[in-house]
Amino acid sequence: MRAAEALLEQGQWQAALDLLQAGNREQPLASLQQRIMDLRIRAGRERPQNPPAAALAAVHESPRLVSGEIPEIPAAELSAQRLYDAIHGCGAAIVRGLLAPERAADLRALIDRVVTARRQPDRAPPCEEAAAWYVRSDEVRGAPAQFFASPDEPVSDSSSIWVADSPRVACELLDLYASLGLPELLHTYFGEPARLSVKKWVLRKIAPKPEGDAGWHQDGRFLGEDIQTVNLWLALSDCGGSAPAPGMDLVIDGRREIHPTGTDGAWFDWTVGPERVARVASGCGITQPRFAAGDALFFDHFNLHRTAFEPHHTAVRYAIESWFFAASSAPLKQQPILL
């Protein structure tokens, strides 16, 4: 598209990408999807000016604390202020029905298609004329994500794939986020534009582990503390609580603190030990919410959580995890992506 290329020559990344994204909606092409992802990753490397401190200070009032439970916000009432209150007051927010069940089912099917393209390319080509299902961008630095199950395991087993490795799905999700108003909401929340990232934008298909256990952790342990983040964890399956698929255990705590790891009975050097978790949770509690397909959980890098495996879990859990960063402090090692 000549108009988009002209804008790129002028350094107008966002305007150019808006045109390319619109072109892909009108006529999906694998080559265009790959071009969009290449450019978004390249643009994400450009560090914007830090926003004025006064602008950030004026964005939010002090959080209105809610104790004893994770606040639930109706999708129609989601705002930057309510999100800020929930995350800074209790550590997280639940938004029921952010997506319709039918839309969640469509996204589950897309994840299955990407998994098959990655696992069985002879059965489902990674790239077709209208869709780049599993294509690594030349702009991605470092090795592929190491989450993926080994090739000899069945397709239904656990899989985690970077969204950036599926330009077809990435373009779909970017359109979805725009339709939900997330770029504007996050701009208000951060006081500046948001970024995604290669390493923290993930399609998840998690097999049940009735006898399994997962480590308690905070993403700030890996990402750092001097940043602003919001994670959108979008449930695409009925999961958590008494549901047949694993959910999430969350400490109800909005404190801005990264806890020591590798101590207090921790299994690994990157996890928070169960003894410390018990002490932290003694005054606030732990919850395992039940999610329907289309429900969303928002939290940030201070949230203490883990995947919850229970004996009654027999079903695969589908979810999409999208970490958003304030543009000026997005960790470069996470490979920021222009939203």
Protein backbone atom coordinates (compact mmCIF):
# COMPACT_ATOMS: atom_id res chain seq x y z
CA MET A 1 0.00 0.00 0.00
CA ARG A 2 1.69 3.15 -1.24
CA ALA A 3 0.05 5.48 1.27
CA ALA A 4 1.25 3.35 4.18
CA GLU A 5 4.78 3.16 2.80
CA ALA A 6 4.86 6.95 2.40
CA LEU A 7 3.85 7.36 6.04
CA LEU A 8 6.57 4.93 7.09
CA GLU A 9 9.17 7.02 5.26
CA GLN A 10 8.01 9.98 7.36
CA GLY A 11 8.35 7.96 10.58
CA GLN A 12 4.58 7.90 11.17
CA TRP A 13 4.45 4.31 12.39
CA GLN A 14 0.99 4.32 13.95
CA ALA A 15 -0.77 5.91 10.99
CA ALA A 16 0.96 3.58 8.55
CA LEU A 17 0.10 0.50 10.59
CA ASP A 18 -3.52 1.59 10.91
CA LEU A 19 -3.71 1.63 7.11
CA LEU A 20 -2.04 -1.76 6.78
CA GLN A 21 -4.30 -3.25 9.45
CA ALA A 22 -7.37 -1.94 7.62
CA GLY A 23 -6.05 -3.41 4.38
CA ASN A 24 -5.69 -6.82 6.02
CA ARG A 25 -9.27 -6.67 7.26
CA GLU A 26 -10.50 -5.98 3.74
CA GLN A 27 -8.30 -8.61 2.08
CA PRO A 28 -6.35 -10.89 4.44
CA LEU A 29 -2.92 -11.76 3.09
CA ALA A 30 -0.16 -13.71 4.82
CA SER A 31 2.51 -11.38 3.43
CA LEU A 32 0.66 -8.34 4.77
CA GLN A 33 0.21 -9.92 8.21
CA GLN A 34 3.92 -10.67 8.38
CA ARG A 35 4.74 -7.11 7.29
CA ILE A 36 2.48 -5.70 10.01
CA MET A 37 4.20 -7.74 12.73
CA ASP A 38 7.69 -6.88 11.44
CA LEU A 39 6.87 -3.18 11.55
CA ARG A 40 5.18 -3.29 14.96
CA ILE A 41 8.22 -4.97 16.50
CA ARG A 42 10.60 -2.55 14.80
CA ALA A 43 8.52 0.44 15.94
CA GLY A 44 8.39 -0.92 19.48
CA ARG A 45 12.16 -0.49 19.80
CA GLU A 46 11.84 3.28 19.57
CA ARG A 47 11.75 4.67 23.10
CA PRO A 48 9.33 7.60 23.43
CA GLN A 49 9.93 10.62 25.61
CA ASN A 50 9.06 10.10 29.30
CA PRO A 51 5.69 11.64 30.10
CA PRO A 52 5.71 14.66 32.43
CA ALA A 53 5.44 13.65 36.09
CA ALA A 54 2.51 16.03 36.57
CA ALA A 55 0.55 14.27 33.84
CA LEU A 56 0.98 10.90 35.53
CA ALA A 57 0.09 12.27 38.95
CA ALA A 58 -3.16 13.70 37.61
CA VAL A 59 -4.38 10.49 36.02
CA HIS A 60 -5.69 8.80 39.16
CA GLU A 61 -6.93 9.56 42.60
CA SER A 62 -5.76 7.40 45.50
CA PRO A 63 -7.18 3.88 45.08
CA ARG A 64 -10.41 3.16 46.91
CA LEU A 65 -9.48 -0.02 48.76
CA VAL A 66 -11.78 -3.03 48.69
CA SER A 67 -10.88 -5.82 51.10
CA GLY A 68 -11.71 -9.50 51.16
CA GLU A 69 -12.35 -10.19 47.49
CA ILE A 70 -11.19 -9.37 43.97
CA PRO A 71 -13.48 -6.62 42.62
CA GLU A 72 -15.73 -7.53 39.70
CA ILE A 73 -16.34 -4.83 37.10
CA PRO A 74 -19.11 -5.13 34.49
CA ALA A 75 -17.62 -4.93 31.00
CA ALA A 76 -19.73 -1.85 30.21
CA GLU A 77 -18.32 -0.05 33.28
CA LEU A 78 -14.63 -0.80 32.79
CA SER A 79 -12.59 2.39 33.10
CA ALA A 80 -9.01 3.35 33.90
CA GLN A 81 -10.00 4.62 37.35
CA ARG A 82 -11.93 1.46 38.31
CA LEU A 83 -9.10 -0.71 37.02
CA TYR A 84 -6.57 1.33 38.99
CA ASP A 85 -8.68 1.08 42.16
CA ALA A 86 -8.96 -2.70 41.86
CA ILE A 87 -5.32 -3.44 41.01
CA HIS A 88 -3.81 -1.02 43.53
CA GLY A 89 -6.39 -1.89 46.18
CA CYS A 90 -6.62 -5.70 45.88
CA GLY A 91 -4.10 -6.74 43.24
CA ALA A 92 -6.51 -7.61 40.43
CA ALA A 93 -9.86 -7.02 38.76
CA ILE A 94 -12.32 -9.45 37.18
CA VAL A 95 -14.38 -8.33 34.19
CA ARG A 96 -17.25 -10.68 33.47
CA GLY A 97 -18.33 -11.16 29.88
CA LEU A 98 -15.64 -9.05 28.26
CA LEU A 99 -16.16 -11.32 25.24
CA ALA A 100 -19.27 -13.15 24.14
CA PRO A 101 -19.04 -16.96 24.47
CA GLU A 102 -19.19 -17.28 20.69
CA ARG A 103 -16.19 -15.00 20.29
CA ALA A 104 -14.28 -17.02 22.89
CA ALA A 105 -15.07 -20.19 20.92
CA ASP A 106 -13.69 -18.57 17.75
CA LEU A 107 -10.45 -17.75 19.56
CA ARG A 108 -10.14 -21.30 20.88
CA ALA A 109 -10.39 -22.54 17.30
CA LEU A 110 -7.66 -20.11 16.24
CA ILE A 111 -5.37 -21.37 19.00
CA ASP A 112 -5.97 -24.98 17.87
CA ARG A 113 -5.11 -23.96 14.30
CA VAL A 114 -1.84 -22.33 15.38
CA VAL A 115 -0.92 -25.32 17.56
CA THR A 116 -1.50 -27.67 14.63
CA ALA A 117 0.55 -25.47 12.31
CA ARG A 118 3.39 -25.60 14.83
CA ARG A 119 3.09 -29.29 15.63
CA GLN A 120 1.88 -30.85 12.36
CA PRO A 121 2.82 -28.58 9.45
CA ASP A 122 2.10 -31.34 6.91
CA ARG A 123 -1.49 -31.43 8.10
CA ALA A 124 -1.95 -27.67 8.50
CA PRO A 125 0.52 -25.49 6.57
CA PRO A 126 2.10 -22.76 8.73
CA CYS A 127 1.53 -20.26 5.93
CA GLU A 128 -1.30 -20.01 3.41
CA GLU A 129 -2.15 -17.24 0.97
CA ALA A 130 -4.57 -15.53 3.35
CA ALA A 131 -3.05 -16.47 6.70
CA ALA A 132 0.39 -16.61 8.31
CA TRP A 133 -0.46 -19.13 11.04
CA TYR A 134 3.01 -19.81 12.41
CA VAL A 135 5.79 -17.63 11.00
CA ARG A 136 8.75 -16.27 12.96
CA SER A 137 9.43 -12.61 12.20
CA ASP A 138 12.98 -11.70 11.22
CA GLU A 139 12.62 -8.84 13.71
CA VAL A 140 12.30 -11.20 16.69
CA ARG A 141 15.55 -11.48 18.60
CA GLY A 142 16.62 -14.59 20.49
CA ALA A 143 15.46 -18.17 20.49
CA PRO A 144 11.83 -19.27 20.22
CA ALA A 145 9.76 -19.61 23.37
CA GLN A 146 10.68 -22.86 25.09
CA PHE A 147 7.17 -23.52 26.41
CA PHE A 148 6.03 -25.79 23.62
CA ALA A 149 5.41 -29.48 24.24
CA SER A 150 7.75 -31.94 22.55
CA PRO A 151 6.78 -33.14 19.05
CA ASP A 152 5.98 -36.69 20.20
CA GLU A 153 3.26 -35.54 22.63
CA PRO A 154 -0.39 -35.35 21.51
CA VAL A 155 -1.75 -32.04 20.31
CA SER A 156 -4.09 -31.76 23.31
CA ASP A 157 -1.15 -31.47 25.71
CA SER A 158 0.07 -28.16 27.10
CA SER A 159 1.18 -25.57 24.61
CA SER A 160 2.20 -21.94 24.94
CA ILE A 161 3.02 -19.98 21.80
CA TRP A 162 4.05 -16.38 21.32
CA VAL A 163 1.27 -14.46 19.58
CA ALA A 164 3.95 -12.66 17.56
CA ASP A 165 4.77 -16.03 15.96
CA SER A 166 1.27 -16.13 14.46
CA PRO A 167 0.81 -12.91 12.47
CA ARG A 168 -2.68 -14.06 11.48
CA VAL A 169 -3.82 -14.29 15.10
CA ALA A 170 -1.86 -11.19 16.14
CA CYS A 171 -3.77 -9.07 13.61
CA GLU A 172 -7.05 -10.58 14.82
CA LEU A 173 -6.25 -9.75 18.43
CA LEU A 174 -5.12 -6.21 17.64
CA ASP A 175 -8.47 -5.61 15.96
CA LEU A 176 -10.21 -7.11 19.00
CA TYR A 177 -8.32 -4.88 21.44
CA ALA A 178 -9.23 -1.83 19.35
CA SER A 179 -12.91 -2.83 19.36
CA LEU A 180 -12.80 -3.13 23.17
CA GLY A 181 -11.21 0.31 23.51
CA LEU A 182 -8.14 -1.08 25.26
CA PRO A 183 -5.54 1.25 23.67
CA GLU A 184 -7.45 4.30 24.91
CA LEU A 185 -8.17 2.80 28.35
CA LEU A 186 -4.52 1.86 28.86
CA HIS A 187 -3.31 5.25 27.64
CA THR A 188 -5.39 6.83 30.38
CA TYR A 189 -4.25 4.25 32.95
CA PHE A 190 -0.55 4.75 32.20
CA GLY A 191 -0.68 8.41 31.25
CA GLU A 192 1.02 7.47 27.97
CA PRO A 193 0.62 4.94 25.12
CA ALA A 194 0.86 1.22 25.85
CA ARG A 195 3.04 -1.46 24.29
CA LEU A 196 2.67 -5.21 23.98
CA SER A 197 5.74 -7.46 23.80
CA VAL A 198 7.01 -10.50 21.94
CA LYS A 199 7.76 -12.51 25.07
CA LYS A 200 4.72 -11.61 27.19
CA TRP A 201 1.91 -11.99 24.65
CA VAL A 202 1.03 -15.67 24.69
CA LEU A 203 -1.56 -18.16 23.42
CA ARG A 204 -2.10 -20.82 26.06
CA LYS A 205 -3.58 -24.31 25.83
CA ILE A 206 -2.94 -25.89 29.24
CA ALA A 207 -3.58 -29.56 29.93
CA PRO A 208 -4.94 -30.54 33.35
CA LYS A 209 -2.55 -31.93 35.96
CA PRO A 210 -4.76 -33.34 38.74
CA GLU A 211 -1.74 -34.16 40.87
CA GLY A 212 0.33 -31.19 39.73
CA ASP A 213 1.46 -28.06 41.48
CA ALA A 214 2.64 -24.69 40.21
CA GLY A 215 4.91 -22.18 41.86
CA TRP A 216 3.70 -18.92 43.35
CA HIS A 217 5.31 -16.00 41.54
CA GLN A 218 5.20 -12.31 40.66
CA ASP A 219 6.06 -11.22 37.15
CA GLY A 220 7.91 -8.25 38.60
CA ARG A 221 10.55 -10.78 39.65
CA PHE A 222 11.43 -11.10 35.93
CA LEU A 223 10.32 -7.76 34.52
CA GLY A 224 11.56 -5.36 37.19
CA GLU A 225 9.77 -2.95 39.52
CA ASP A 226 10.35 0.46 37.97
CA ILE A 227 7.76 -0.09 35.24
CA GLN A 228 4.01 0.21 34.70
CA THR A 229 2.10 -2.85 33.51
CA VAL A 230 -1.35 -4.33 33.06
CA ASN A 231 -1.87 -7.97 32.18
CA LEU A 232 -5.08 -9.02 30.46
CA TRP A 233 -5.59 -12.73 31.17
CA LEU A 234 -8.51 -13.72 28.97
CA ALA A 235 -10.22 -17.01 29.82
CA LEU A 236 -11.44 -18.88 26.75
CA SER A 237 -12.62 -21.93 28.74
CA ASP A 238 -14.81 -22.47 31.79
CA CYS A 239 -12.04 -22.75 34.38
CA GLY A 240 -11.18 -22.33 38.05
CA GLY A 241 -13.19 -23.17 41.14
CA SER A 242 -15.38 -26.22 40.50
CA ALA A 243 -14.91 -26.00 36.70
CA PRO A 244 -13.25 -28.92 34.89
CA ALA A 245 -10.21 -26.90 33.75
CA PRO A 246 -7.45 -25.34 35.91
CA GLY A 247 -7.82 -21.72 36.95
CA MET A 248 -5.71 -19.27 38.94
CA ASP A 249 -4.93 -18.87 42.64
CA LEU A 250 -4.50 -15.20 43.59
CA VAL A 251 -3.40 -13.49 46.79
CA ILE A 252 -5.82 -10.60 47.45
CA ASP A 253 -3.20 -7.93 48.02
CA GLY A 254 -2.56 -4.60 46.35
CA ARG A 255 0.76 -3.81 48.00
CA ARG A 256 3.55 -2.61 45.73
CA GLU A 257 6.16 -5.11 46.90
CA ILE A 258 8.23 -7.85 45.26
CA HIS A 259 8.71 -10.72 47.70
CA PRO A 260 11.94 -12.71 48.06
CA THR A 261 12.15 -15.91 46.02
CA GLY A 262 13.94 -19.19 46.58
CA THR A 263 13.26 -19.15 50.33
CA ASP A 264 10.56 -20.31 52.76
CA GLY A 265 10.18 -23.75 51.20
CA ALA A 266 10.28 -22.60 47.57
CA TRP A 267 10.86 -25.31 45.01
CA PHE A 268 12.73 -23.03 42.60
CA ASP A 269 14.84 -19.89 42.88
CA TRP A 270 12.20 -17.89 40.95
CA THR A 271 9.17 -18.86 43.05
CA VAL A 272 7.88 -17.43 46.32
CA GLY A 273 7.92 -20.11 49.02
CA PRO A 274 4.60 -21.40 50.40
CA GLU A 275 5.52 -20.38 53.95
CA ARG A 276 5.99 -16.76 52.88
CA VAL A 277 2.79 -16.89 50.80
CA ALA A 278 0.90 -18.06 53.89
CA ARG A 279 2.28 -15.15 55.90
CA VAL A 280 1.49 -12.60 53.19
CA ALA A 281 -2.02 -13.99 52.74
CA SER A 282 -2.79 -14.20 56.46
CA GLY A 283 -4.19 -10.68 56.49
CA CYS A 284 -5.83 -10.62 53.07
CA GLY A 285 -6.65 -14.11 51.84
CA ILE A 286 -6.29 -16.27 48.75
CA THR A 287 -8.98 -16.77 46.11
CA GLN A 288 -9.50 -19.06 43.13
CA PRO A 289 -12.17 -17.40 41.01
CA ARG A 290 -14.28 -19.35 38.56
CA PHE A 291 -14.20 -17.97 35.04
CA ALA A 292 -16.58 -18.53 32.15
CA ALA A 293 -15.29 -18.37 28.60
CA GLY A 294 -15.00 -14.68 27.77
CA ASP A 295 -14.32 -13.49 31.32
CA ALA A 296 -11.15 -11.49 31.93
CA LEU A 297 -8.69 -11.05 34.78
CA PHE A 298 -6.56 -7.91 34.95
CA PHE A 299 -3.50 -7.60 37.23
CA ASP A 300 0.00 -6.18 37.19
CA HIS A 301 3.57 -7.30 37.89
CA PHE A 302 3.16 -7.10 41.69
CA ASN A 303 0.37 -9.68 41.79
CA LEU A 304 1.25 -12.92 43.61
CA HIS A 305 -0.40 -15.84 41.81
CA ARG A 306 -0.06 -19.34 40.41
CA THR A 307 -1.87 -21.75 38.09
CA ALA A 308 -4.33 -23.74 40.20
CA PHE A 309 -4.34 -27.49 39.59
CA GLU A 310 -7.03 -29.50 41.42
CA PRO A 311 -7.87 -33.24 41.53
CA HIS A 312 -11.16 -32.68 39.66
CA HIS A 313 -9.51 -31.04 36.65
CA THR A 314 -9.95 -33.11 33.50
CA ALA A 315 -10.26 -30.48 30.74
CA VAL A 316 -7.82 -28.36 28.77
CA ARG A 317 -7.79 -24.64 29.59
CA TYR A 318 -7.55 -22.11 26.78
CA ALA A 319 -6.48 -18.55 27.52
CA ILE A 320 -4.67 -15.57 26.02
CA GLU A 321 -2.23 -13.62 28.14
CA SER A 322 -1.47 -10.06 27.03
CA TRP A 323 0.98 -8.00 29.05
CA PHE A 324 0.79 -4.28 28.33
CA PHE A 325 3.58 -1.89 29.31
CA ALA A 326 3.75 1.88 29.55
CA ALA A 327 5.74 2.76 26.44
CA SER A 328 8.48 4.80 28.12
CA SER A 329 9.45 2.02 30.54
CA ALA A 330 8.70 -1.12 28.52
CA PRO A 331 11.64 -3.52 29.09
CA LEU A 332 13.61 -3.77 25.86
CA LYS A 333 14.53 -7.39 26.63
CA GLN A 334 10.83 -8.23 26.38
CA GLN A 335 10.87 -6.86 22.81
CA PRO A 336 8.10 -4.21 22.87
CA ILE A 337 5.46 -4.22 20.15
CA LEU A 338 3.60 -1.11 19.00
CA LEU A 339 -0.05 -1.55 20.01
